Structure formats: C-alpha cells, structure tokens
Amino acid sequence: FAIGDRQFTIAKEHLVFQTTDDGTAYGAIQSRGNLEFDIMGDAMLRNVYAIFDIGNVRIGCVQRPSSTPASDTPMTT
C-alpha cells in the first residue's frame, strides 16, 4: 500500500482479518468506498514503526524490517 509517494509492504500473514467455519477469509484491508479518507488499522500498524505527532496532527511511518516479528496479540483500544 502507499501513503503519499511512500510504498509499504504488509506481510501475508497479516492480510486475513477473520476466517469462517466454511473457510471464507475476510481481508484485513477493505475498500474505502465513498469515503474521502482511509482507515489504517492493525494490518498496517503491525508492519511499520509509527510515530503519532498529536500536536501537528500527523503520523510518521517507516517500514518494519521483515525479520522483526510483529506481535500476534490483538491490539486493544
């Protein structure tokens, strides 16, 4: 995926959000539909180092090295 002109990679194990009993898999990345903005969730955050700059209302990201394991523990809010 891309933010601005910067490309990021999501590990394949983070692309499936949920599977059902019949084997259907729901993707962790969905279309924005008619929204004018994107919602970046845990699929993105597990694959980058993110810095939230609340004062300037912005976020900075850098790709997490593929050799760095991301936690499989669900994020809480």
C-alpha atoms as a PDB file:
ATOM      1  CA  PHE A   1       0.000   0.000   0.000  1.00  0.00           C
ATOM      2  CA  ALA A   2       1.080   3.612  -0.302  1.00  0.00           C
ATOM      3  CA  ILE A   3       0.808   6.709   1.812  1.00  0.00           C
ATOM      4  CA  GLY A   4       1.602   9.689  -0.362  1.00  0.00           C
ATOM      5  CA  ASP A   5       4.551   8.629  -2.511  1.00  0.00           C
ATOM      6  CA  ARG A   6       5.878   6.134   0.053  1.00  0.00           C
ATOM      7  CA  GLN A   7       5.294   2.388  -0.549  1.00  0.00           C
ATOM      8  CA  PHE A   8       4.830  -0.074   2.346  1.00  0.00           C
ATOM      9  CA  THR A   9       4.599  -3.854   2.409  1.00  0.00           C
ATOM     10  CA  ILE A  10       2.186  -5.881   4.531  1.00  0.00           C
ATOM     11  CA  ALA A  11       3.249  -9.401   5.500  1.00  0.00           C
ATOM     12  CA  LYS A  12       0.946 -12.059   4.052  1.00  0.00           C
ATOM     13  CA  GLU A  13       0.048 -13.418   7.495  1.00  0.00           C
ATOM     14  CA  HIS A  14      -1.489 -10.023   8.357  1.00  0.00           C
ATOM     15  CA  LEU A  15      -3.789  -9.861   5.318  1.00  0.00           C
ATOM     16  CA  VAL A  16      -6.549 -12.118   6.677  1.00  0.00           C
ATOM     17  CA  PHE A  17      -8.780 -10.492   9.288  1.00  0.00           C
ATOM     18  CA  GLN A  18     -11.089 -13.405  10.049  1.00  0.00           C
ATOM     19  CA  THR A  19     -11.931 -16.841   8.666  1.00  0.00           C
ATOM     20  CA  THR A  20     -15.303 -18.554   8.936  1.00  0.00           C
ATOM     21  CA  ASP A  21     -16.199 -22.192   9.523  1.00  0.00           C
ATOM     22  CA  ASP A  22     -16.661 -22.753   5.787  1.00  0.00           C
ATOM     23  CA  GLY A  23     -13.143 -21.452   5.030  1.00  0.00           C
ATOM     24  CA  THR A  24     -14.152 -17.996   3.813  1.00  0.00           C
ATOM     25  CA  ALA A  25     -11.488 -15.413   4.627  1.00  0.00           C
ATOM     26  CA  TYR A  26     -12.266 -11.740   5.182  1.00  0.00           C
ATOM     27  CA  GLY A  27      -9.423  -9.428   4.254  1.00  0.00           C
ATOM     28  CA  ALA A  28      -7.836  -7.021   6.689  1.00  0.00           C
ATOM     29  CA  ILE A  29      -7.747  -4.318   4.015  1.00  0.00           C
ATOM     30  CA  GLN A  30     -11.037  -3.067   2.637  1.00  0.00           C
ATOM     31  CA  SER A  31     -12.076  -0.528   0.028  1.00  0.00           C
ATOM     32  CA  ARG A  32     -12.702   2.983   1.279  1.00  0.00           C
ATOM     33  CA  GLY A  33     -15.943   3.001  -0.710  1.00  0.00           C
ATOM     34  CA  ASN A  34     -17.274   6.550  -0.947  1.00  0.00           C
ATOM     35  CA  LEU A  35     -15.197   7.869   1.953  1.00  0.00           C
ATOM     36  CA  GLU A  36     -12.653  10.611   1.283  1.00  0.00           C
ATOM     37  CA  PHE A  37     -10.198   9.084   3.736  1.00  0.00           C
ATOM     38  CA  ASP A  38      -8.622   5.726   4.564  1.00  0.00           C
ATOM     39  CA  ILE A  39      -8.723   3.901   7.885  1.00  0.00           C
ATOM     40  CA  MET A  40      -5.342   2.351   8.629  1.00  0.00           C
ATOM     41  CA  GLY A  41      -5.772  -0.474  11.128  1.00  0.00           C
ATOM     42  CA  ASP A  42      -3.692  -3.182  12.700  1.00  0.00           C
ATOM     43  CA  ALA A  43      -2.776  -4.777   9.334  1.00  0.00           C
ATOM     44  CA  MET A  44      -0.802  -1.617   8.559  1.00  0.00           C
ATOM     45  CA  LEU A  45       0.409  -0.911  12.103  1.00  0.00           C
ATOM     46  CA  ARG A  46       1.865  -4.424  12.547  1.00  0.00           C
ATOM     47  CA  ASN A  47       4.160  -3.796   9.579  1.00  0.00           C
ATOM     48  CA  VAL A  48       5.504  -0.319  10.303  1.00  0.00           C
ATOM     49  CA  TYR A  49       7.000   1.677  13.103  1.00  0.00           C
ATOM     50  CA  ALA A  50       4.546   4.538  13.605  1.00  0.00           C
ATOM     51  CA  ILE A  51       5.026   7.874  15.344  1.00  0.00           C
ATOM     52  CA  PHE A  52       1.921   9.879  16.179  1.00  0.00           C
ATOM     53  CA  ASP A  53       2.511  13.651  16.301  1.00  0.00           C
ATOM     54  CA  ILE A  54      -0.659  14.861  18.000  1.00  0.00           C
ATOM     55  CA  GLY A  55       0.470  18.498  18.210  1.00  0.00           C
ATOM     56  CA  ASN A  56       0.947  18.755  14.449  1.00  0.00           C
ATOM     57  CA  VAL A  57      -1.888  16.320  13.596  1.00  0.00           C
ATOM     58  CA  ARG A  58       0.254  13.925  11.586  1.00  0.00           C
ATOM     59  CA  ILE A  59       1.688  10.433  11.592  1.00  0.00           C
ATOM     60  CA  GLY A  60       5.107   9.241  10.521  1.00  0.00           C
ATOM     61  CA  CYS A  61       5.833   5.674   9.376  1.00  0.00           C
ATOM     62  CA  VAL A  62       8.820   3.605   8.425  1.00  0.00           C
ATOM     63  CA  GLN A  63       8.719   0.001   7.178  1.00  0.00           C
ATOM     64  CA  ARG A  64       9.357  -2.612   9.855  1.00  0.00           C
ATOM     65  CA  PRO A  65      12.142  -4.981   8.751  1.00  0.00           C
ATOM     66  CA  SER A  66      10.685  -8.310   7.650  1.00  0.00           C
ATOM     67  CA  SER A  67      12.929 -10.105  10.132  1.00  0.00           C
ATOM     68  CA  THR A  68      11.302  -8.214  13.030  1.00  0.00           C
ATOM     69  CA  PRO A  69       8.311 -10.217  14.268  1.00  0.00           C
ATOM     70  CA  ALA A  70       5.117  -8.279  14.854  1.00  0.00           C
ATOM     71  CA  SER A  71       3.043  -9.222  17.833  1.00  0.00           C
ATOM     72  CA  ASP A  72       0.134 -11.560  17.181  1.00  0.00           C
ATOM     73  CA  THR A  73      -1.549 -10.210  20.294  1.00  0.00           C
ATOM     74  CA  PRO A  74      -4.714  -8.306  19.358  1.00  0.00           C
ATOM     75  CA  MET A  75      -4.484  -4.558  19.754  1.00  0.00           C
ATOM     76  CA  THR A  76      -6.745  -3.009  22.364  1.00  0.00           C
ATOM     77  CA  THR A  77      -8.191   0.467  22.484  1.00  0.00           C
END
